[in-house]
Amino acid sequence: MRKHLTSLLTEQGFDVQIARTGQEALEELAIFKPDVVTLDINMPVMDGLTALSHIMTERPTPTVMVSSLTEKGALATLEALALGAVDYVPKPGGTISLSIDAIASSIVEKVRTAANARIRGRPGRGAEAPQPAAPRPARTSVVEPAAPRRRIYSASGSPFGLVLIGVSTGGPRTLEEILPNLPADLPWPVLVAQHMPASFTASLASRLNGLCSLDVRESVSMEELRPGRVYIARGGSDMVVAQRTGKLIVMNRPESPHYTWHPSVELMVQTALENVPAQNLIAVQLTGMGHDGAQAMTELKSAGGRTVAESEETAVVFGMPAELIKRGGAGCVLPSGKIAQQIRQWVSRAH
């Protein structure tokens, strides 16, 4: 794997230094002073998570994890992202020499992006301190708008709305700064489209569920949207909002070739806007590459909805928020640590 990565990155103009263990990587760090580190989790002498914690303490450097697409690999990768890794690439299975070509462009793109990424401080720095999740009772575990749509109301008679969050590179750690600061009794459901493969989103939902007062779950089937819940879009599909018998539902559909990134932020916001009055929608654009969601969120703001773009000072990669700001679609620009408070205020005013 080291041989193939070295060959690939050298061909792209990178100056590459090899380390065979985590301990060796730390020793080379001070000498070579790299712009980016690619790091495996399973290594002799010192594993990747231990090495990463030292890197972020001794010489913070943008790091891209090379991870296996297994449940165990997903959990370890999410832990690495929480420690400060910028991104990850899937580790080829089977014959590496045949598989690496399939992910070569992804590796190069993510390493180049990481070279310009912002290294985050320790979790909680400059942010609201997440409160421990309160004990909860045990829980059981192309959309065309039909006109005219009826307005959706909660059981209390108050307008029923949605919080929509789009995020990509650097997202898991940023979500950990925002979602734990939303109360268990938040009256509007939260939908999250995080660009991730199918094997990772269940682990992401499980990890966030342990940190939040809200009930966080991966969206795996058609279900009614309920207050107090966070729905994480399932990787390998797109999450859409629809209506059935006067109720709002969320469901998955196969990845559409009309959208570049998946799960698609653009499609999630579009379908929400088709089914819920704009003034009852809050859209949040967080860290990530590209422009997924920028057009739909700009339309949402123009129609009377509320939008937030994460500020450059906290975004690991400022691409997605910057695009929303550029298009005039950002109602306000806030650091990640202030976004939960803004969501709470807006939802409270609606009720």
Protein backbone atom coordinates (compact mmCIF):
# COMPACT_ATOMS: atom_id res chain seq x y z
CA MET A 1 0.00 0.00 0.00
CA ARG A 2 2.85 2.38 0.84
CA LYS A 3 4.47 1.57 -2.49
CA HIS A 4 1.33 2.32 -4.50
CA LEU A 5 0.50 5.50 -2.60
CA THR A 6 4.07 6.75 -3.01
CA SER A 7 4.00 6.07 -6.75
CA LEU A 8 0.60 7.71 -7.20
CA LEU A 9 1.42 10.87 -5.23
CA THR A 10 4.91 11.23 -6.69
CA GLU A 11 3.45 11.12 -10.20
CA GLN A 12 1.20 14.02 -9.18
CA GLY A 13 4.17 16.16 -8.14
CA PHE A 14 4.22 15.51 -4.38
CA ASP A 15 7.46 15.05 -2.46
CA VAL A 16 6.78 11.88 -0.46
CA GLN A 17 8.44 10.45 2.65
CA ILE A 18 7.57 6.94 3.91
CA ALA A 19 7.06 5.82 7.50
CA ARG A 20 6.40 2.17 8.35
CA THR A 21 5.00 2.58 11.86
CA GLY A 22 3.23 5.25 13.86
CA GLN A 23 6.34 5.79 15.95
CA GLU A 24 8.46 6.25 12.84
CA ALA A 25 5.92 8.74 11.50
CA LEU A 26 6.29 10.91 14.61
CA GLU A 27 10.07 10.87 14.26
CA GLU A 28 9.88 11.85 10.59
CA LEU A 29 7.31 14.56 11.29
CA ALA A 30 9.82 16.97 12.85
CA ILE A 31 12.42 16.33 10.13
CA PHE A 32 10.35 16.19 6.94
CA LYS A 33 7.69 18.70 8.08
CA PRO A 34 4.98 17.51 5.65
CA ASP A 35 2.04 19.56 4.43
CA VAL A 36 -0.21 16.48 4.60
CA VAL A 37 -0.03 13.06 6.28
CA THR A 38 -1.80 9.95 4.95
CA LEU A 39 -2.25 7.56 7.84
CA ASP A 40 -3.42 3.97 8.17
CA ILE A 41 -5.12 2.90 11.39
CA ASN A 42 -3.61 -0.57 11.63
CA MET A 43 0.18 -0.29 12.04
CA PRO A 44 2.79 -2.06 14.18
CA VAL A 45 4.53 -0.48 17.20
CA MET A 46 2.06 2.44 17.36
CA ASP A 47 -1.40 2.35 15.77
CA GLY A 48 -2.79 5.18 13.65
CA LEU A 49 -5.17 6.62 16.26
CA THR A 50 -2.37 6.91 18.82
CA ALA A 51 -0.05 8.44 16.22
CA LEU A 52 -2.78 10.89 15.16
CA SER A 53 -3.34 12.07 18.74
CA HIS A 54 0.41 12.78 19.00
CA ILE A 55 0.47 14.54 15.62
CA MET A 56 -2.39 16.84 16.60
CA THR A 57 -0.69 17.66 19.89
CA GLU A 58 2.96 17.95 18.85
CA ARG A 59 2.75 19.31 15.29
CA PRO A 60 -0.84 19.69 14.04
CA THR A 61 -0.79 18.62 10.37
CA PRO A 62 -3.68 17.98 7.95
CA THR A 63 -4.18 14.21 7.97
CA VAL A 64 -6.11 11.93 5.61
CA MET A 65 -6.95 8.50 6.99
CA VAL A 66 -6.68 5.42 4.75
CA SER A 67 -9.53 3.28 6.06
CA SER A 68 -11.17 -0.06 5.37
CA LEU A 69 -14.88 0.07 4.50
CA THR A 70 -15.96 -2.20 7.36
CA GLU A 71 -18.02 -1.47 10.47
CA LYS A 72 -14.87 -1.67 12.61
CA GLY A 73 -13.02 0.53 10.12
CA ALA A 74 -15.87 3.06 10.12
CA LEU A 75 -15.86 3.36 13.91
CA ALA A 76 -12.10 3.87 13.98
CA THR A 77 -12.29 6.41 11.16
CA LEU A 78 -14.96 8.43 12.97
CA GLU A 79 -12.73 8.42 16.05
CA ALA A 80 -9.87 9.70 13.88
CA LEU A 81 -12.06 12.49 12.49
CA ALA A 82 -13.00 13.43 16.06
CA LEU A 83 -9.29 13.60 16.92
CA GLY A 84 -8.70 16.06 14.08
CA ALA A 85 -8.20 14.13 10.82
CA VAL A 86 -9.44 16.14 7.85
CA ASP A 87 -10.80 13.33 5.69
CA TYR A 88 -10.47 9.67 4.75
CA VAL A 89 -10.17 7.51 1.64
CA PRO A 90 -11.29 3.88 1.33
CA LYS A 91 -8.55 1.29 1.55
CA PRO A 92 -8.67 -0.96 -1.53
CA GLY A 93 -9.74 -4.51 -0.92
CA GLY A 94 -8.46 -7.59 -2.71
CA THR A 95 -5.56 -7.01 -5.08
CA ILE A 96 -4.33 -3.53 -4.22
CA SER A 97 -2.58 -3.00 -7.56
CA LEU A 98 -5.91 -3.51 -9.36
CA SER A 99 -8.07 -1.59 -6.88
CA ILE A 100 -6.03 1.54 -6.32
CA ASP A 101 -6.72 2.89 -9.81
CA ALA A 102 -10.42 3.11 -8.90
CA ILE A 103 -9.71 5.49 -6.01
CA ALA A 104 -6.62 7.27 -7.39
CA SER A 105 -8.44 10.49 -8.31
CA SER A 106 -10.16 10.56 -4.91
CA ILE A 107 -6.85 10.15 -3.09
CA VAL A 108 -5.19 12.97 -5.04
CA GLU A 109 -8.19 15.30 -4.68
CA LYS A 110 -8.45 14.74 -0.93
CA VAL A 111 -4.72 15.13 -0.32
CA ARG A 112 -4.68 18.40 -2.29
CA THR A 113 -7.72 19.65 -0.38
CA ALA A 114 -6.18 18.65 2.94
CA ALA A 115 -3.07 20.69 2.13
CA ASN A 116 -5.25 23.82 2.29
CA ALA A 117 -7.60 22.68 5.06
CA ARG A 118 -7.98 24.40 8.40
CA ILE A 119 -6.80 22.33 11.36
CA ARG A 120 -9.39 22.45 14.09
CA GLY A 121 -8.60 22.99 17.76
CA ARG A 122 -9.68 20.59 20.46
CA PRO A 123 -13.41 19.84 20.52
CA GLY A 124 -15.34 22.52 22.34
CA ARG A 125 -12.81 25.31 21.84
CA GLY A 126 -14.75 28.46 20.99
CA ALA A 127 -17.97 26.48 21.02
CA GLU A 128 -20.82 25.88 23.36
CA ALA A 129 -19.86 23.07 25.72
CA PRO A 130 -22.11 20.11 24.91
CA GLN A 131 -24.23 19.00 27.84
CA PRO A 132 -24.37 15.27 28.62
CA ALA A 133 -27.32 13.60 26.96
CA ALA A 134 -30.21 13.13 29.38
CA PRO A 135 -31.40 9.54 29.97
CA ARG A 136 -34.09 8.58 27.48
CA PRO A 137 -36.69 5.83 27.47
CA ALA A 138 -35.92 2.78 25.36
CA ARG A 139 -36.86 3.16 21.67
CA THR A 140 -38.05 0.67 19.13
CA SER A 141 -35.90 0.29 16.82
CA VAL A 142 -37.85 11.53 -8.45
CA VAL A 143 -40.41 12.97 -5.94
CA GLU A 144 -43.02 15.08 -7.74
CA PRO A 145 -45.07 17.57 -5.67
CA ALA A 146 -48.81 16.89 -5.77
CA ALA A 147 -50.66 20.20 -5.93
CA PRO A 148 -52.09 21.69 -3.91
CA ARG A 149 -50.03 20.88 -0.81
CA ARG A 150 -51.60 21.38 2.59
CA ARG A 151 -49.60 23.13 5.28
CA ILE A 152 -48.30 20.72 7.88
CA TYR A 153 -49.00 21.42 11.54
CA SER A 154 -47.82 19.79 14.74
CA ALA A 155 -50.23 18.23 17.22
CA SER A 156 -50.12 21.49 19.23
CA GLY A 157 -51.37 23.46 16.22
CA SER A 158 -48.03 25.21 15.71
CA PRO A 159 -46.50 25.20 12.21
CA PHE A 160 -44.35 22.10 11.69
CA GLY A 161 -40.94 22.74 10.22
CA LEU A 162 -37.60 21.12 9.46
CA VAL A 163 -33.94 21.84 10.12
CA LEU A 164 -31.82 20.80 7.11
CA ILE A 165 -28.05 20.37 7.44
CA GLY A 166 -25.63 19.82 4.55
CA VAL A 167 -22.03 18.86 5.24
CA SER A 168 -19.04 17.09 3.70
CA THR A 169 -15.30 17.17 4.49
CA GLY A 170 -14.74 17.77 8.19
CA GLY A 171 -18.40 17.11 8.90
CA PRO A 172 -18.48 14.46 11.64
CA ARG A 173 -16.50 16.56 14.10
CA THR A 174 -18.48 19.70 13.25
CA LEU A 175 -21.75 17.84 13.76
CA GLU A 176 -20.44 16.82 17.19
CA GLU A 177 -20.14 20.52 18.04
CA ILE A 178 -23.69 21.36 16.94
CA LEU A 179 -26.14 18.48 17.45
CA PRO A 180 -25.36 17.82 21.16
CA ASN A 181 -26.34 21.45 21.85
CA LEU A 182 -29.87 20.99 20.52
CA PRO A 183 -32.47 20.08 23.19
CA ALA A 184 -34.33 16.76 23.34
CA ASP A 185 -37.64 18.60 23.02
CA LEU A 186 -36.72 20.43 19.80
CA PRO A 187 -40.11 20.59 18.04
CA TRP A 188 -38.71 20.37 14.50
CA PRO A 189 -36.97 17.24 13.15
CA VAL A 190 -33.39 17.60 11.90
CA LEU A 191 -32.25 16.09 8.58
CA VAL A 192 -28.54 15.69 7.84
CA ALA A 193 -26.99 14.94 4.45
CA GLN A 194 -23.33 14.09 5.16
CA HIS A 195 -21.30 12.95 2.15
CA MET A 196 -20.27 9.42 3.19
CA PRO A 197 -20.29 5.86 1.84
CA ALA A 198 -23.02 3.44 2.90
CA SER A 199 -20.80 1.57 5.33
CA PHE A 200 -20.09 4.68 7.42
CA THR A 201 -23.41 6.45 8.03
CA ALA A 202 -24.84 3.88 10.48
CA SER A 203 -21.72 4.22 12.63
CA LEU A 204 -21.93 8.02 12.40
CA ALA A 205 -25.57 7.97 13.57
CA SER A 206 -24.73 5.61 16.41
CA ARG A 207 -21.83 7.76 17.59
CA LEU A 208 -23.89 10.96 17.48
CA ASN A 209 -26.79 9.25 19.24
CA GLY A 210 -24.51 8.62 22.21
CA LEU A 211 -23.58 12.30 22.40
CA CYS A 212 -27.00 13.91 21.86
CA SER A 213 -30.20 14.39 23.81
CA LEU A 214 -32.02 14.08 20.50
CA ASP A 215 -32.72 10.63 19.05
CA VAL A 216 -30.19 10.26 16.19
CA ARG A 217 -30.81 7.53 13.64
CA GLU A 218 -29.76 6.56 10.14
CA SER A 219 -32.61 6.94 7.66
CA VAL A 220 -33.03 3.40 6.33
CA SER A 221 -36.70 3.21 5.33
CA MET A 222 -39.77 5.33 4.70
CA GLU A 223 -40.90 6.81 8.02
CA GLU A 224 -42.85 9.73 9.39
CA LEU A 225 -40.79 12.73 10.47
CA ARG A 226 -41.13 13.31 14.21
CA PRO A 227 -39.92 16.03 16.60
CA GLY A 228 -36.94 15.24 18.79
CA ARG A 229 -35.21 13.19 16.11
CA VAL A 230 -32.20 13.61 13.85
CA TYR A 231 -32.25 11.65 10.58
CA ILE A 232 -28.82 10.92 9.04
CA ALA A 233 -29.07 10.28 5.29
CA ARG A 234 -27.93 6.78 4.44
CA GLY A 235 -24.77 6.61 2.36
CA GLY A 236 -25.14 5.13 -1.10
CA SER A 237 -28.57 6.77 -1.55
CA ASP A 238 -30.29 10.16 -1.47
CA MET A 239 -32.72 11.25 1.26
CA VAL A 240 -35.91 13.05 0.18
CA VAL A 241 -38.90 14.61 1.93
CA ALA A 242 -42.43 13.80 0.79
CA GLN A 243 -46.04 13.71 2.01
CA ARG A 244 -48.23 10.70 2.60
CA THR A 245 -51.81 11.01 3.94
CA GLY A 246 -51.14 14.56 5.13
CA LYS A 247 -47.98 13.61 7.03
CA LEU A 248 -44.38 14.47 6.26
CA ILE A 249 -42.16 11.48 5.62
CA VAL A 250 -38.50 10.92 4.85
CA MET A 251 -37.35 8.17 2.53
CA ASN A 252 -34.34 7.00 0.53
CA ARG A 253 -34.02 6.68 -3.20
CA PRO A 254 -31.13 5.48 -5.39
CA GLU A 255 -28.37 7.97 -6.10
CA SER A 256 -29.41 10.21 -8.97
CA PRO A 257 -26.86 10.77 -11.76
CA HIS A 258 -28.16 14.35 -11.98
CA TYR A 259 -26.38 15.16 -8.70
CA THR A 260 -22.62 15.01 -8.21
CA TRP A 261 -22.44 14.41 -4.46
CA HIS A 262 -24.26 11.86 -2.31
CA PRO A 263 -26.23 11.78 -0.14
CA SER A 264 -27.36 14.90 -2.00
CA VAL A 265 -27.84 18.10 0.01
CA GLU A 266 -29.40 19.75 -3.03
CA LEU A 267 -32.10 17.10 -3.40
CA MET A 268 -32.87 17.00 0.32
CA VAL A 269 -33.45 20.78 0.44
CA GLN A 270 -35.37 20.83 -2.86
CA THR A 271 -37.86 18.19 -1.73
CA ALA A 272 -38.26 19.83 1.68
CA LEU A 273 -39.09 23.13 -0.04
CA GLU A 274 -41.69 21.37 -2.21
CA ASN A 275 -43.50 20.05 0.86
CA VAL A 276 -43.03 22.59 3.66
CA PRO A 277 -43.55 26.39 3.58
CA ALA A 278 -40.17 28.12 3.26
CA GLN A 279 -40.73 30.14 6.44
CA ASN A 280 -40.85 26.81 8.32
CA LEU A 281 -37.47 25.66 7.04
CA ILE A 282 -33.99 26.27 8.41
CA ALA A 283 -31.05 25.25 6.19
CA VAL A 284 -27.48 25.05 7.48
CA GLN A 285 -24.47 24.74 5.15
CA LEU A 286 -21.39 23.40 6.91
CA THR A 287 -17.80 22.56 5.97
CA GLY A 288 -17.09 20.71 2.72
CA MET A 289 -15.79 20.74 -0.83
CA GLY A 290 -17.89 21.80 -3.81
CA HIS A 291 -21.28 23.51 -3.96
CA ASP A 292 -23.81 20.80 -3.06
CA GLY A 293 -26.95 22.46 -1.68
CA ALA A 294 -25.99 26.04 -2.54
CA GLN A 295 -28.64 26.53 -5.24
CA ALA A 296 -31.52 24.99 -3.27
CA MET A 297 -30.62 26.87 -0.08
CA THR A 298 -30.44 30.15 -2.03
CA GLU A 299 -33.94 29.45 -3.41
CA LEU A 300 -35.13 28.63 0.10
CA LYS A 301 -33.85 31.97 1.42
CA SER A 302 -35.46 33.87 -1.48
CA ALA A 303 -38.77 32.19 -0.65
CA GLY A 304 -38.63 33.36 2.97
CA GLY A 305 -36.69 30.58 4.67
CA ARG A 306 -33.76 30.94 7.07
CA THR A 307 -30.23 29.90 6.16
CA VAL A 308 -26.85 29.74 7.87
CA ALA A 309 -23.39 29.32 6.36
CA GLU A 310 -20.54 28.19 8.59
CA SER A 311 -17.87 30.89 8.77
CA GLU A 312 -14.39 30.50 7.33
CA GLU A 313 -12.85 30.74 10.79
CA THR A 314 -14.18 27.31 11.79
CA ALA A 315 -14.85 25.50 8.47
CA VAL A 316 -12.28 22.78 7.81
CA VAL A 317 -12.91 23.31 4.08
CA PHE A 318 -14.73 26.55 3.21
CA GLY A 319 -15.99 25.44 -0.21
CA MET A 320 -19.69 24.69 0.43
CA PRO A 321 -20.35 27.59 2.83
CA ALA A 322 -18.39 29.99 0.61
CA GLU A 323 -20.50 29.05 -2.40
CA LEU A 324 -23.72 29.72 -0.49
CA ILE A 325 -22.41 33.12 0.61
CA LYS A 326 -21.26 33.92 -2.94
CA ARG A 327 -24.76 33.25 -4.31
CA GLY A 328 -26.37 35.48 -1.70
CA GLY A 329 -28.07 32.52 -0.06
CA ALA A 330 -26.65 32.89 3.45
CA GLY A 331 -29.03 34.63 5.84
CA CYS A 332 -26.21 34.76 8.37
CA VAL A 333 -22.63 33.51 8.67
CA LEU A 334 -21.65 31.95 11.98
CA PRO A 335 -18.83 29.90 13.50
CA SER A 336 -19.83 26.31 14.23
CA GLY A 337 -20.01 27.00 17.97
CA LYS A 338 -22.88 29.48 17.56
CA ILE A 339 -25.03 27.60 15.07
CA ALA A 340 -26.98 25.48 17.57
CA GLN A 341 -27.99 28.59 19.51
CA GLN A 342 -29.23 30.23 16.31
CA ILE A 343 -31.29 27.16 15.41
CA ARG A 344 -32.85 27.11 18.88
CA GLN A 345 -33.77 30.79 18.65
CA TRP A 346 -35.37 30.49 15.21
CA VAL A 347 -37.39 27.40 16.10
CA SER A 348 -38.51 29.01 19.38
CA ARG A 349 -39.76 32.12 17.54
CA ALA A 350 -41.75 29.96 15.14
CA HIS A 351 -43.60 28.52 18.11
